[in-house]
Amino acid sequence: MKWIGYLLLLIGIWMMVCPQANTGLSVLKWLSQYAFPGEAFLGAIVASLSFLFLNKRRETSEL
C-alpha cells in the first residue's frame, strides 16, 4: 500500500509543478505543454490523499 502512496505523491507533485513550468527555467518549459486548467489545485488534493496511504499501518489481530 505504501507504493500507492508514493506514486500518488509523485503524481501530485508533478501536477503542482507542471503549470508553473512556463514561468520558470527554459529547460522545463516543455512541462507546461501537459498542463490543464485547475491542475495545480487537483495536484494538491492528490498529494494530500497520498498521505492517507503512506500513514497506514498494519493492524495486528490479537486473539
C-alpha atoms as a PDB file:
ATOM      1  CA  MET A   1       0.000   0.000   0.000  1.00  0.00           C
ATOM      2  CA  LYS A   2       2.894   2.377   0.615  1.00  0.00           C
ATOM      3  CA  TRP A   3       3.956   2.233  -3.026  1.00  0.00           C
ATOM      4  CA  ILE A   4       0.497   3.532  -3.988  1.00  0.00           C
ATOM      5  CA  GLY A   5       1.034   6.454  -1.613  1.00  0.00           C
ATOM      6  CA  TYR A   6       4.442   7.239  -3.068  1.00  0.00           C
ATOM      7  CA  LEU A   7       3.068   7.020  -6.606  1.00  0.00           C
ATOM      8  CA  LEU A   8       0.185   9.368  -5.761  1.00  0.00           C
ATOM      9  CA  LEU A   9       2.599  11.778  -4.087  1.00  0.00           C
ATOM     10  CA  LEU A  10       4.801  11.814  -7.167  1.00  0.00           C
ATOM     11  CA  ILE A  11       1.806  12.409  -9.438  1.00  0.00           C
ATOM     12  CA  GLY A  12       0.524  15.183  -7.150  1.00  0.00           C
ATOM     13  CA  ILE A  13       3.876  16.946  -7.120  1.00  0.00           C
ATOM     14  CA  TRP A  14       4.078  16.648 -10.918  1.00  0.00           C
ATOM     15  CA  MET A  15       0.602  18.171 -11.216  1.00  0.00           C
ATOM     16  CA  MET A  16       1.545  21.109  -8.983  1.00  0.00           C
ATOM     17  CA  VAL A  17       4.843  21.841 -10.776  1.00  0.00           C
ATOM     18  CA  CYS A  18       3.663  21.358 -14.346  1.00  0.00           C
ATOM     19  CA  PRO A  19       1.508  24.535 -14.693  1.00  0.00           C
ATOM     20  CA  GLN A  20       4.225  26.795 -13.254  1.00  0.00           C
ATOM     21  CA  ALA A  21       6.944  25.437 -15.537  1.00  0.00           C
ATOM     22  CA  ASN A  22       6.107  28.063 -18.160  1.00  0.00           C
ATOM     23  CA  THR A  23       7.391  30.854 -15.915  1.00  0.00           C
ATOM     24  CA  GLY A  24      10.500  29.050 -14.701  1.00  0.00           C
ATOM     25  CA  LEU A  25      13.611  27.695 -16.329  1.00  0.00           C
ATOM     26  CA  SER A  26      13.646  27.487 -20.101  1.00  0.00           C
ATOM     27  CA  VAL A  27      14.761  23.865 -19.842  1.00  0.00           C
ATOM     28  CA  LEU A  28      11.499  22.935 -18.073  1.00  0.00           C
ATOM     29  CA  LYS A  29       9.085  24.786 -20.374  1.00  0.00           C
ATOM     30  CA  TRP A  30       8.126  21.514 -22.073  1.00  0.00           C
ATOM     31  CA  LEU A  31       6.287  20.572 -18.859  1.00  0.00           C
ATOM     32  CA  SER A  32       3.704  23.296 -19.405  1.00  0.00           C
ATOM     33  CA  GLN A  33       2.504  21.597 -22.602  1.00  0.00           C
ATOM     34  CA  TYR A  34       0.946  18.847 -20.480  1.00  0.00           C
ATOM     35  CA  ALA A  35      -0.885  21.141 -18.032  1.00  0.00           C
ATOM     36  CA  PHE A  36      -4.650  21.584 -17.948  1.00  0.00           C
ATOM     37  CA  PRO A  37      -6.739  24.221 -16.125  1.00  0.00           C
ATOM     38  CA  GLY A  38      -7.047  23.518 -12.412  1.00  0.00           C
ATOM     39  CA  GLU A  39      -4.226  21.004 -12.414  1.00  0.00           C
ATOM     40  CA  ALA A  40      -2.295  22.635  -9.555  1.00  0.00           C
ATOM     41  CA  PHE A  41      -5.344  22.534  -7.277  1.00  0.00           C
ATOM     42  CA  LEU A  42      -6.103  18.933  -8.195  1.00  0.00           C
ATOM     43  CA  GLY A  43      -2.432  18.068  -7.673  1.00  0.00           C
ATOM     44  CA  ALA A  44      -2.559  19.446  -4.134  1.00  0.00           C
ATOM     45  CA  ILE A  45      -5.567  17.247  -3.404  1.00  0.00           C
ATOM     46  CA  VAL A  46      -3.885  14.152  -4.875  1.00  0.00           C
ATOM     47  CA  ALA A  47      -0.713  14.820  -2.886  1.00  0.00           C
ATOM     48  CA  SER A  48      -2.765  15.223   0.299  1.00  0.00           C
ATOM     49  CA  LEU A  49      -4.621  11.979  -0.324  1.00  0.00           C
ATOM     50  CA  SER A  50      -1.336  10.170  -0.798  1.00  0.00           C
ATOM     51  CA  PHE A  51      -0.557  10.688   2.878  1.00  0.00           C
ATOM     52  CA  LEU A  52      -3.546   8.525   3.763  1.00  0.00           C
ATOM     53  CA  PHE A  53      -1.823   5.618   2.045  1.00  0.00           C
ATOM     54  CA  LEU A  54       1.597   6.437   3.472  1.00  0.00           C
ATOM     55  CA  ASN A  55       0.336   6.583   7.056  1.00  0.00           C
ATOM     56  CA  LYS A  56      -1.462   3.227   7.055  1.00  0.00           C
ATOM     57  CA  ARG A  57      -0.169   0.689   9.476  1.00  0.00           C
ATOM     58  CA  ARG A  58      -0.915  -2.974   9.566  1.00  0.00           C
ATOM     59  CA  GLU A  59      -3.382  -3.843  12.219  1.00  0.00           C
ATOM     60  CA  THR A  60      -2.434  -6.848  14.264  1.00  0.00           C
ATOM     61  CA  SER A  61      -5.180  -9.172  15.270  1.00  0.00           C
ATOM     62  CA  GLU A  62      -4.946 -10.286  18.837  1.00  0.00           C
ATOM     63  CA  LEU A  63      -6.737 -13.398  20.000  1.00  0.00           C
END
